Each structure stands twice: as structure tokens, then as C-alpha cells.
C-alpha atoms as a PDB file:
ATOM      1  CA  MET A   1     133.083 120.413 124.745  1.00  0.00           C
ATOM      2  CA  SER A   2     134.358 121.236 127.802  1.00  0.00           C
ATOM      3  CA  ILE A   3     134.486 118.226 130.486  1.00  0.00           C
ATOM      4  CA  GLY A   4     132.655 120.581 132.873  1.00  0.00           C
ATOM      5  CA  ASN A   5     129.702 120.855 130.793  1.00  0.00           C
ATOM      6  CA  ALA A   6     130.158 117.252 130.186  1.00  0.00           C
ATOM      7  CA  ILE A   7     129.963 116.547 133.525  1.00  0.00           C
ATOM      8  CA  THR A   8     126.713 118.733 134.655  1.00  0.00           C
ATOM      9  CA  ALA A   9     124.958 117.511 131.394  1.00  0.00           C
ATOM     10  CA  GLY A  10     125.249 113.806 131.937  1.00  0.00           C
ATOM     11  CA  ILE A  11     124.204 114.255 135.716  1.00  0.00           C
ATOM     12  CA  ILE A  12     121.204 116.060 134.965  1.00  0.00           C
ATOM     13  CA  TYR A  13     120.158 113.936 131.854  1.00  0.00           C
ATOM     14  CA  ALA A  14     120.197 110.721 133.979  1.00  0.00           C
ATOM     15  CA  LEU A  15     118.868 112.422 137.249  1.00  0.00           C
ATOM     16  CA  THR A  16     115.944 113.335 134.961  1.00  0.00           C
ATOM     17  CA  GLU A  17     115.878 110.127 133.089  1.00  0.00           C
ATOM     18  CA  MET A  18     115.317 108.018 136.010  1.00  0.00           C
ATOM     19  CA  LEU A  19     112.959 110.233 137.587  1.00  0.00           C
ATOM     20  CA  PRO A  20     109.725 110.938 135.636  1.00  0.00           C
ATOM     21  CA  LEU A  21     111.064 114.014 134.403  1.00  0.00           C
ATOM     22  CA  SER A  22     112.331 113.319 130.684  1.00  0.00           C
ATOM     23  CA  GLY A  23     116.359 113.205 130.221  1.00  0.00           C
ATOM     24  CA  SER A  24     115.650 114.237 126.451  1.00  0.00           C
ATOM     25  CA  GLY A  25     113.857 117.256 127.503  1.00  0.00           C
ATOM     26  CA  HIS A  26     116.563 118.551 129.941  1.00  0.00           C
ATOM     27  CA  LEU A  27     119.249 117.717 127.994  1.00  0.00           C
ATOM     28  CA  ALA A  28     117.678 119.778 124.798  1.00  0.00           C
ATOM     29  CA  VAL A  29     116.832 122.537 127.222  1.00  0.00           C
ATOM     30  CA  VAL A  30     120.995 122.037 128.767  1.00  0.00           C
ATOM     31  CA  ASN A  31     122.189 122.055 125.314  1.00  0.00           C
ATOM     32  CA  THR A  32     120.400 125.519 124.355  1.00  0.00           C
ATOM     33  CA  LEU A  33     121.769 127.068 127.072  1.00  0.00           C
ATOM     34  CA  PHE A  34     125.490 125.551 126.892  1.00  0.00           C
ATOM     35  CA  ASP A  35     125.097 125.806 123.237  1.00  0.00           C
ATOM     36  CA  LEU A  36     126.243 121.688 123.341  1.00  0.00           C
ATOM     37  CA  HIS A  37     125.586 121.169 119.350  1.00  0.00           C
ATOM     38  CA  LEU A  38     124.619 117.793 120.465  1.00  0.00           C
ATOM     39  CA  THR A  39     122.355 117.273 117.122  1.00  0.00           C
ATOM     40  CA  GLN A  40     125.618 117.658 115.051  1.00  0.00           C
ATOM     41  CA  LEU A  41     128.920 117.751 116.540  1.00  0.00           C
ATOM     42  CA  HIS A  42     128.658 115.585 119.804  1.00  0.00           C
ATOM     43  CA  LEU A  43     126.295 113.193 118.930  1.00  0.00           C
ATOM     44  CA  MET A  44     128.662 110.808 120.465  1.00  0.00           C
ATOM     45  CA  PHE A  45     127.971 112.016 124.045  1.00  0.00           C
ATOM     46  CA  LYS A  46     124.306 111.708 123.712  1.00  0.00           C
ATOM     47  CA  ALA A  47     125.142 107.878 122.582  1.00  0.00           C
ATOM     48  CA  ILE A  48     127.155 107.404 125.638  1.00  0.00           C
ATOM     49  CA  CYS A  49     124.621 109.235 128.406  1.00  0.00           C
ATOM     50  CA  GLU A  50     121.862 106.810 127.024  1.00  0.00           C
ATOM     51  CA  PHE A  51     124.254 103.598 127.251  1.00  0.00           C
ATOM     52  CA  ALA A  52     125.281 105.361 131.122  1.00  0.00           C
ATOM     53  CA  ALA A  53     121.930 105.235 132.143  1.00  0.00           C
ATOM     54  CA  MET A  54     121.070 101.533 130.120  1.00  0.00           C
ATOM     55  CA  ILE A  55     123.889  99.942 132.708  1.00  0.00           C
ATOM     56  CA  ALA A  56     122.972 102.024 135.303  1.00  0.00           C
ATOM     57  CA  LEU A  57     119.123 100.393 135.145  1.00  0.00           C
ATOM     58  CA  ILE A  58     120.760  96.994 134.153  1.00  0.00           C
ATOM     59  CA  LEU A  59     122.854  96.979 137.673  1.00  0.00           C
ATOM     60  CA  ALA A  60     119.700  98.470 139.384  1.00  0.00           C
ATOM     61  CA  TYR A  61     117.435  95.893 137.799  1.00  0.00           C
ATOM     62  CA  ARG A  62     120.194  93.031 137.955  1.00  0.00           C
ATOM     63  CA  ARG A  63     118.053  90.618 140.230  1.00  0.00           C
ATOM     64  CA  ASP A  64     114.897  91.233 138.436  1.00  0.00           C
ATOM     65  CA  LEU A  65     116.983  90.260 134.970  1.00  0.00           C
ATOM     66  CA  ALA A  66     118.671  87.254 136.165  1.00  0.00           C
ATOM     67  CA  ALA A  67     114.859  86.012 137.370  1.00  0.00           C
ATOM     68  CA  MET A  68     113.563  86.285 134.388  1.00  0.00           C
ATOM     69  CA  ILE A  69     116.368  84.456 132.483  1.00  0.00           C
ATOM     70  CA  ARG A  70     116.422  81.986 134.772  1.00  0.00           C
ATOM     71  CA  ASP A  71     112.645  81.702 134.375  1.00  0.00           C
ATOM     72  CA  THR A  72     112.862  81.523 130.969  1.00  0.00           C
ATOM     73  CA  ALA A  73     115.806  79.262 130.518  1.00  0.00           C
ATOM     74  CA  MET A  74     113.666  77.040 132.840  1.00  0.00           C
ATOM     75  CA  LEU A  75     110.398  77.351 130.357  1.00  0.00           C
ATOM     76  CA  THR A  76     112.445  77.060 126.774  1.00  0.00           C
ATOM     77  CA  GLY A  77     114.224  73.789 128.454  1.00  0.00           C
ATOM     78  CA  PHE A  78     117.553  75.787 128.542  1.00  0.00           C
ATOM     79  CA  SER A  79     117.713  75.168 132.538  1.00  0.00           C
ATOM     80  CA  LYS A  80     119.779  72.220 133.333  1.00  0.00           C
ATOM     81  CA  ARG A  81     116.490  72.210 136.242  1.00  0.00           C
ATOM     82  CA  ASN A  82     113.869  70.649 134.753  1.00  0.00           C
ATOM     83  CA  ALA A  83     110.899  72.488 135.696  1.00  0.00           C
ATOM     84  CA  ALA A  84     108.253  70.840 137.810  1.00  0.00           C
ATOM     85  CA  LYS A  85     104.959  69.316 135.722  1.00  0.00           C
ATOM     86  CA  GLY A  86     102.302  72.811 135.999  1.00  0.00           C
ATOM     87  CA  GLU A  87     104.817  74.618 137.269  1.00  0.00           C
ATOM     88  CA  ARG A  88     104.353  78.477 136.561  1.00  0.00           C
ATOM     89  CA  PHE A  89     107.107  81.028 135.529  1.00  0.00           C
ATOM     90  CA  PRO A  90     105.900  84.351 136.164  1.00  0.00           C
ATOM     91  CA  GLU A  91     109.278  86.159 135.237  1.00  0.00           C
ATOM     92  CA  ALA A  92     109.179  84.607 131.827  1.00  0.00           C
ATOM     93  CA  ARG A  93     105.725  85.933 131.305  1.00  0.00           C
ATOM     94  CA  LEU A  94     107.426  89.415 132.621  1.00  0.00           C
ATOM     95  CA  LEU A  95     110.176  89.601 129.908  1.00  0.00           C
ATOM     96  CA  PHE A  96     107.336  88.355 127.146  1.00  0.00           C
ATOM     97  CA  MET A  97     105.686  91.313 128.139  1.00  0.00           C
ATOM     98  CA  LEU A  98     108.399  93.337 128.371  1.00  0.00           C
ATOM     99  CA  ALA A  99     108.852  92.174 124.298  1.00  0.00           C
ATOM    100  CA  ILE A 100     105.267  93.123 123.351  1.00  0.00           C
ATOM    101  CA  ALA A 101     105.328  96.461 125.090  1.00  0.00           C
ATOM    102  CA  THR A 102     108.830  97.169 123.430  1.00  0.00           C
ATOM    103  CA  LEU A 103     107.007  97.012 119.975  1.00  0.00           C
ATOM    104  CA  PRO A 104     105.588 100.405 119.558  1.00  0.00           C
ATOM    105  CA  LEU A 105     108.712 101.856 119.392  1.00  0.00           C
ATOM    106  CA  LEU A 106     109.548 100.062 116.176  1.00  0.00           C
ATOM    107  CA  VAL A 107     106.534 101.904 114.847  1.00  0.00           C
ATOM    108  CA  MET A 108     108.192 105.688 115.912  1.00  0.00           C
ATOM    109  CA  VAL A 109     111.736 104.907 114.125  1.00  0.00           C
ATOM    110  CA  PRO A 110     110.586 106.630 110.714  1.00  0.00           C
ATOM    111  CA  PHE A 111     109.871 109.656 112.209  1.00  0.00           C
ATOM    112  CA  ARG A 112     113.130 110.218 114.211  1.00  0.00           C
ATOM    113  CA  LYS A 113     113.914 113.619 111.657  1.00  0.00           C
ATOM    114  CA  MET A 114     110.560 114.890 113.185  1.00  0.00           C
ATOM    115  CA  TYR A 115     111.740 114.158 117.062  1.00  0.00           C
ATOM    116  CA  PHE A 116     115.011 115.494 115.779  1.00  0.00           C
ATOM    117  CA  SER A 117     113.221 118.967 114.681  1.00  0.00           C
ATOM    118  CA  LEU A 118     110.993 118.983 117.970  1.00  0.00           C
ATOM    119  CA  TRP A 119     114.116 118.298 120.100  1.00  0.00           C
ATOM    120  CA  ASN A 120     115.269 121.646 118.690  1.00  0.00           C
ATOM    121  CA  SER A 121     112.420 123.787 119.675  1.00  0.00           C
ATOM    122  CA  THR A 122     112.506 124.495 123.418  1.00  0.00           C
ATOM    123  CA  THR A 123     109.443 126.313 123.440  1.00  0.00           C
ATOM    124  CA  PHE A 124     107.841 122.862 122.409  1.00  0.00           C
ATOM    125  CA  VAL A 125     109.814 121.218 124.894  1.00  0.00           C
ATOM    126  CA  GLY A 126     108.608 123.667 127.537  1.00  0.00           C
ATOM    127  CA  ILE A 127     105.122 122.803 126.646  1.00  0.00           C
ATOM    128  CA  MET A 128     106.023 119.203 127.247  1.00  0.00           C
ATOM    129  CA  PHE A 129     107.207 119.717 130.422  1.00  0.00           C
ATOM    130  CA  LEU A 130     103.930 121.139 131.413  1.00  0.00           C
ATOM    131  CA  LEU A 131     101.704 118.909 129.915  1.00  0.00           C
ATOM    132  CA  ASN A 132     104.390 115.923 131.463  1.00  0.00           C
ATOM    133  CA  GLY A 133     103.938 117.669 135.071  1.00  0.00           C
ATOM    134  CA  ALA A 134      99.662 117.143 134.574  1.00  0.00           C
ATOM    135  CA  VAL A 135      99.872 113.779 133.473  1.00  0.00           C
ATOM    136  CA  LEU A 136     101.683 113.185 136.872  1.00  0.00           C
ATOM    137  CA  PHE A 137      99.245 115.108 138.925  1.00  0.00           C
ATOM    138  CA  VAL A 138      96.876 112.146 137.558  1.00  0.00           C
ATOM    139  CA  ALA A 139      98.994 109.519 138.604  1.00  0.00           C
ATOM    140  CA  GLU A 140      98.552 110.778 141.994  1.00  0.00           C
ATOM    141  CA  ARG A 141      94.961 110.614 142.333  1.00  0.00           C
ATOM    142  CA  MET A 142      94.743 107.405 140.870  1.00  0.00           C
ATOM    143  CA  ILE A 143      93.437 104.614 143.261  1.00  0.00           C
ATOM    144  CA  PRO A 144      96.250 102.333 143.034  1.00  0.00           C
ATOM    145  CA  GLY A 145      95.666  98.863 141.853  1.00  0.00           C
ATOM    146  CA  LYS A 146      95.611  95.074 142.549  1.00  0.00           C
ATOM    147  CA  LYS A 147      97.072  93.862 139.233  1.00  0.00           C
ATOM    148  CA  GLY A 148     100.830  92.911 140.096  1.00  0.00           C
ATOM    149  CA  LEU A 149     103.071  90.091 138.511  1.00  0.00           C
ATOM    150  CA  GLY A 150     101.854  87.462 136.352  1.00  0.00           C
ATOM    151  CA  ARG A 151      98.517  89.407 135.839  1.00  0.00           C
ATOM    152  CA  MET A 152      99.584  91.259 132.750  1.00  0.00           C
ATOM    153  CA  GLN A 153      97.896  90.827 129.422  1.00  0.00           C
ATOM    154  CA  ILE A 154      99.237  91.376 125.539  1.00  0.00           C
ATOM    155  CA  SER A 155      96.548  94.319 125.989  1.00  0.00           C
ATOM    156  CA  ASP A 156      97.908  95.789 128.620  1.00  0.00           C
ATOM    157  CA  ALA A 157     101.557  95.240 127.741  1.00  0.00           C
ATOM    158  CA  LEU A 158     100.324  97.380 124.339  1.00  0.00           C
ATOM    159  CA  ILE A 159      98.842 100.404 126.140  1.00  0.00           C
ATOM    160  CA  ILE A 160     101.672 101.098 127.851  1.00  0.00           C
ATOM    161  CA  GLY A 161     104.166 100.643 125.281  1.00  0.00           C
ATOM    162  CA  ILE A 162     102.350 102.636 122.697  1.00  0.00           C
ATOM    163  CA  CYS A 163     102.585 105.242 125.711  1.00  0.00           C
ATOM    164  CA  GLN A 164     106.248 104.726 125.917  1.00  0.00           C
ATOM    165  CA  ALA A 165     106.296 105.362 121.894  1.00  0.00           C
ATOM    166  CA  VAL A 166     104.931 108.666 122.773  1.00  0.00           C
ATOM    167  CA  ALA A 167     106.970 109.235 125.196  1.00  0.00           C
ATOM    168  CA  ILE A 168     110.187 110.042 122.592  1.00  0.00           C
ATOM    169  CA  ILE A 169     108.790 113.382 122.507  1.00  0.00           C
ATOM    170  CA  PRO A 170     110.906 115.709 124.283  1.00  0.00           C
ATOM    171  CA  GLY A 171     109.489 116.785 127.337  1.00  0.00           C
ATOM    172  CA  LEU A 172     107.897 114.061 128.394  1.00  0.00           C
ATOM    173  CA  SER A 173     109.127 111.312 129.937  1.00  0.00           C
ATOM    174  CA  ARG A 174     108.696 107.600 129.328  1.00  0.00           C
ATOM    175  CA  LEU A 175     108.960 106.807 133.119  1.00  0.00           C
ATOM    176  CA  ALA A 176     106.168 109.230 133.764  1.00  0.00           C
ATOM    177  CA  LEU A 177     103.778 108.072 130.838  1.00  0.00           C
ATOM    178  CA  THR A 178     104.475 104.535 131.766  1.00  0.00           C
ATOM    179  CA  VAL A 179     104.019 104.549 135.107  1.00  0.00           C
ATOM    180  CA  THR A 180     100.555 106.462 134.790  1.00  0.00           C
ATOM    181  CA  ALA A 181      99.292 103.871 132.102  1.00  0.00           C
ATOM    182  CA  GLY A 182     100.290 100.777 134.308  1.00  0.00           C
ATOM    183  CA  GLU A 183      98.599 102.601 136.777  1.00  0.00           C
ATOM    184  CA  ALA A 184      95.683 103.214 135.188  1.00  0.00           C
ATOM    185  CA  GLU A 185      95.509  99.520 133.880  1.00  0.00           C
ATOM    186  CA  ASN A 186      95.197  98.588 137.580  1.00  0.00           C
ATOM    187  CA  PHE A 187      98.408  97.524 138.467  1.00  0.00           C
ATOM    188  CA  GLN A 188      99.954  97.941 141.896  1.00  0.00           C
ATOM    189  CA  LYS A 189     102.257 101.155 141.783  1.00  0.00           C
ATOM    190  CA  SER A 190     105.348  99.075 142.875  1.00  0.00           C
ATOM    191  CA  TYR A 191     104.501  96.997 140.029  1.00  0.00           C
ATOM    192  CA  ALA A 192     103.938  99.727 137.399  1.00  0.00           C
ATOM    193  CA  ILE A 193     107.272 101.564 138.565  1.00  0.00           C
ATOM    194  CA  ARG A 194     109.083  98.173 138.243  1.00  0.00           C
ATOM    195  CA  PHE A 195     107.718  97.539 134.706  1.00  0.00           C
ATOM    196  CA  GLY A 196     108.465 101.007 133.369  1.00  0.00           C
ATOM    197  CA  MET A 197     112.047 101.168 134.747  1.00  0.00           C
ATOM    198  CA  LEU A 198     112.603  97.398 133.059  1.00  0.00           C
ATOM    199  CA  LEU A 199     110.898  98.596 129.741  1.00  0.00           C
ATOM    200  CA  ALA A 200     113.388 101.895 129.708  1.00  0.00           C
ATOM    201  CA  ILE A 201     116.178  98.620 129.070  1.00  0.00           C
ATOM    202  CA  PRO A 202     115.504  98.052 125.275  1.00  0.00           C
ATOM    203  CA  ALA A 203     114.133 101.490 124.742  1.00  0.00           C
ATOM    204  CA  LEU A 204     117.777 103.158 125.767  1.00  0.00           C
ATOM    205  CA  PHE A 205     119.114 100.347 123.949  1.00  0.00           C
ATOM    206  CA  GLY A 206     117.436 100.707 120.526  1.00  0.00           C
ATOM    207  CA  SER A 207     117.952 104.244 121.172  1.00  0.00           C
ATOM    208  CA  THR A 208     122.011 104.243 121.686  1.00  0.00           C
ATOM    209  CA  VAL A 209     122.274 102.750 118.266  1.00  0.00           C
ATOM    210  CA  LEU A 210     120.642 105.255 116.867  1.00  0.00           C
ATOM    211  CA  SER A 211     122.242 108.003 118.173  1.00  0.00           C
ATOM    212  CA  LEU A 212     125.850 106.448 117.658  1.00  0.00           C
ATOM    213  CA  ALA A 213     124.372 105.625 113.676  1.00  0.00           C
ATOM    214  CA  ASP A 214     123.495 109.298 113.881  1.00  0.00           C
ATOM    215  CA  ALA A 215     127.366 110.586 115.620  1.00  0.00           C
ATOM    216  CA  ALA A 216     128.649 108.072 112.758  1.00  0.00           C
ATOM    217  CA  MET A 217     126.900 109.865 109.812  1.00  0.00           C
ATOM    218  CA  ASN A 218     127.565 113.498 111.111  1.00  0.00           C
ATOM    219  CA  GLY A 219     131.469 112.899 112.013  1.00  0.00           C
ATOM    220  CA  ILE A 220     133.123 112.645 115.890  1.00  0.00           C
ATOM    221  CA  ASP A 221     135.078 114.687 117.577  1.00  0.00           C
ATOM    222  CA  THR A 222     137.807 112.721 118.470  1.00  0.00           C
ATOM    223  CA  GLY A 223     139.451 115.682 120.629  1.00  0.00           C
ATOM    224  CA  CYS A 224     136.090 115.929 123.010  1.00  0.00           C
ATOM    225  CA  MET A 225     136.260 111.493 123.679  1.00  0.00           C
ATOM    226  CA  THR A 226     137.475 112.339 127.520  1.00  0.00           C
ATOM    227  CA  ALA A 227     135.120 114.883 128.391  1.00  0.00           C
ATOM    228  CA  TYR A 228     132.206 112.663 126.904  1.00  0.00           C
ATOM    229  CA  LEU A 229     133.383 109.454 128.803  1.00  0.00           C
ATOM    230  CA  ILE A 230     133.921 111.524 132.398  1.00  0.00           C
ATOM    231  CA  GLY A 231     130.300 112.892 131.634  1.00  0.00           C
ATOM    232  CA  GLY A 232     129.103 109.289 130.738  1.00  0.00           C
ATOM    233  CA  ALA A 233     130.900 108.093 134.100  1.00  0.00           C
ATOM    234  CA  ALA A 234     128.710 110.826 135.360  1.00  0.00           C
ATOM    235  CA  ALA A 235     125.612 109.552 134.144  1.00  0.00           C
ATOM    236  CA  LEU A 236     125.775 106.197 135.181  1.00  0.00           C
ATOM    237  CA  VAL A 237     126.981 106.991 138.745  1.00  0.00           C
ATOM    238  CA  THR A 238     123.982 109.212 138.750  1.00  0.00           C
ATOM    239  CA  GLY A 239     121.389 107.274 137.467  1.00  0.00           C
ATOM    240  CA  PHE A 240     122.337 104.076 139.314  1.00  0.00           C
ATOM    241  CA  PHE A 241     121.825 106.103 142.851  1.00  0.00           C
ATOM    242  CA  SER A 242     118.288 107.759 140.849  1.00  0.00           C
ATOM    243  CA  VAL A 243     116.933 104.821 140.352  1.00  0.00           C
ATOM    244  CA  TYR A 244     116.620 104.359 144.088  1.00  0.00           C
ATOM    245  CA  LEU A 245     116.030 108.261 144.764  1.00  0.00           C
ATOM    246  CA  PHE A 246     112.601 107.663 142.724  1.00  0.00           C
ATOM    247  CA  ARG A 247     111.390 104.609 144.250  1.00  0.00           C
ATOM    248  CA  ARG A 248     111.705 105.901 147.956  1.00  0.00           C
ATOM    249  CA  LEU A 249     110.568 109.343 147.083  1.00  0.00           C
ATOM    250  CA  VAL A 250     107.294 107.685 145.288  1.00  0.00           C
ATOM    251  CA  ARG A 251     107.066 105.537 148.254  1.00  0.00           C
ATOM    252  CA  ARG A 252     107.067 108.746 150.827  1.00  0.00           C
ATOM    253  CA  ARG A 253     105.656 111.209 149.227  1.00  0.00           C
ATOM    254  CA  GLY A 254     103.835 110.568 145.795  1.00  0.00           C
ATOM    255  CA  TYR A 255     104.345 112.292 142.763  1.00  0.00           C
ATOM    256  CA  HIS A 256     103.563 115.922 143.651  1.00  0.00           C
ATOM    257  CA  GLY A 257     106.642 117.181 144.074  1.00  0.00           C
ATOM    258  CA  LEU A 258     107.816 115.643 140.236  1.00  0.00           C
ATOM    259  CA  ALA A 259     104.702 116.992 139.142  1.00  0.00           C
ATOM    260  CA  TYR A 260     105.575 120.227 140.554  1.00  0.00           C
ATOM    261  CA  TYR A 261     108.776 120.974 139.891  1.00  0.00           C
ATOM    262  CA  SER A 262     108.054 120.011 135.736  1.00  0.00           C
ATOM    263  CA  LEU A 263     105.274 122.677 135.936  1.00  0.00           C
ATOM    264  CA  VAL A 264     108.023 125.209 137.198  1.00  0.00           C
ATOM    265  CA  ILE A 265     110.798 124.174 134.759  1.00  0.00           C
ATOM    266  CA  GLY A 266     108.209 124.123 132.347  1.00  0.00           C
ATOM    267  CA  VAL A 267     107.934 127.479 132.061  1.00  0.00           C
ATOM    268  CA  LEU A 268     111.412 128.781 133.001  1.00  0.00           C
ATOM    269  CA  THR A 269     112.274 126.991 129.559  1.00  0.00           C
ATOM    270  CA  ILE A 270     109.733 129.417 127.819  1.00  0.00           C
ATOM    271  CA  ILE A 271     110.687 132.139 129.496  1.00  0.00           C
ATOM    272  CA  LEU A 272     114.591 131.612 129.016  1.00  0.00           C
ATOM    273  CA  THR A 273     113.486 130.432 125.178  1.00  0.00           C
ATOM    274  CA  LEU A 274     111.634 133.795 124.863  1.00  0.00           C
ATOM    275  CA  ILE A 275     115.078 136.018 126.651  1.00  0.00           C
ATOM    276  CA  PHE A 276     117.768 133.604 124.917  1.00  0.00           C
END
């Protein structure tokens, strides 16, 4: 893998992962077009890109994470400041709901081999891009909800978590599905986006660990480590700024443009697969 290919793949993955466009789907297409062999020789690169995306989210949502840790410490008595009687801890509740929403992903772990077989079929990925576009059109037409922080129930978290678990299918964006599910549960758009972004952090961590295990079993091309790290750095920077790009884009223009892009890239992916 050349440094140029690594930078290109890292940027594309991070940009589309932080936008509701499926980073894994785009990485699958780039893998085919550039012949990167990510399922065998360069799984370490995939792990580094996922780790970089996770770090980008942690940096972008560092204040939210600090608030959750602070509230949880106070609630459990580990904080130096004693909680006042009757004091509520909405950020601690958010952390608990994120943990609940992450549980459905564990059910998908035994199906990882099936996931890789789908990842290698760019025709299938293209079809999923089309479905992802349809999901974004649905999100665009939803009436904004009123529920926000502190109003989420366990059932809400599980529904959103199930949608994230389904989104491990390449071509489907976890952000598109989780945000749409959140809005369908009558949550405010800003809160649905916040929850979906935060929920991606443990998902990316788990994916990184599994990708590292796969890389260890399949062998690591140490000669490409420089390219891997540079590509990962490109993914980190791109991912960080893409978080703000997405929130700004949705606030000003909604999901229409992203939905049309997903449909176009789906059609192009299918056509390119037939040609190559």
C-alpha cells in the first residue's frame, strides 16, 4: 500500500463515517478500486482508521464525555463533591443509555465472517448505499420531536442500538440509522445526532479490537506501517472536522444532499462493479 493510497482511503473513510454515508461501505469500494487487499494483508490499516475515527469523536465530544464521567462519579459517590439530596444526574443517565444501546452489537459478533463476505461484494454494498439514501429521505421528512436529555427510556436505547447493530452491514451508515431511529422515537434532531455520535465511540472501539485480532491472525505487513500511520493521521484530522461539518450541514440544509449523494454513489458503485 502506497502512502498516497493510504491517505486517500483514510480521508474517505473518516469523512463518510462521520457523515451518515457508511465509512465501511466506502472503504470497501476504495479497497476494490485501488486493490488494497484490506481483508487480508492490510487489516492493520482498517484497525488504525477505526481507531483514528474513535479518537476524533472523543476529541469532538470531550466536554460531553467529561460531563458524563463527572455526573456518574457524583452519582456513585466517587466524586469529592457530595450530591445534593434529590439532585438529578442526566449525563449519568445518558452514559447508562449508551451502554444499553451498545448491547445489541454483541449479538452481531458471531456473524463477523458473514459481514466480511458482504464487504467483498461491491454490488451488495451499492444496493445498501441505495437503501441508506432512502433512510436519509425518511429522516428528512420526519416531524421534529420534543424529547431530549433525560427523557430516554431503556426501550428507546435498545431500538437505537438494534439499528446500530444492523448498520454493521457495509453500505448502511450507523449514524443514518441511529439518528433516524432517534427521531422516530420523538427525540429532538440535535439530541438524536448527539446520541448517535456518542454511541459510535464504543462501537468503533470494539471494531478496532476485532480488526486488530484479525490482523494478528492474518499477518501484518510491517513494511507498510508508515503508510498505515500516515493514513490514520489523515483519518483522525478528517474525522474531527467532519463531525462539525455534519452538524452544520444538517442544521442548514437537512439530509437532502446526503440522501442524494448516497443514491448516486450506490448507482455508481453497481456500475463500476459491472465494468471492473
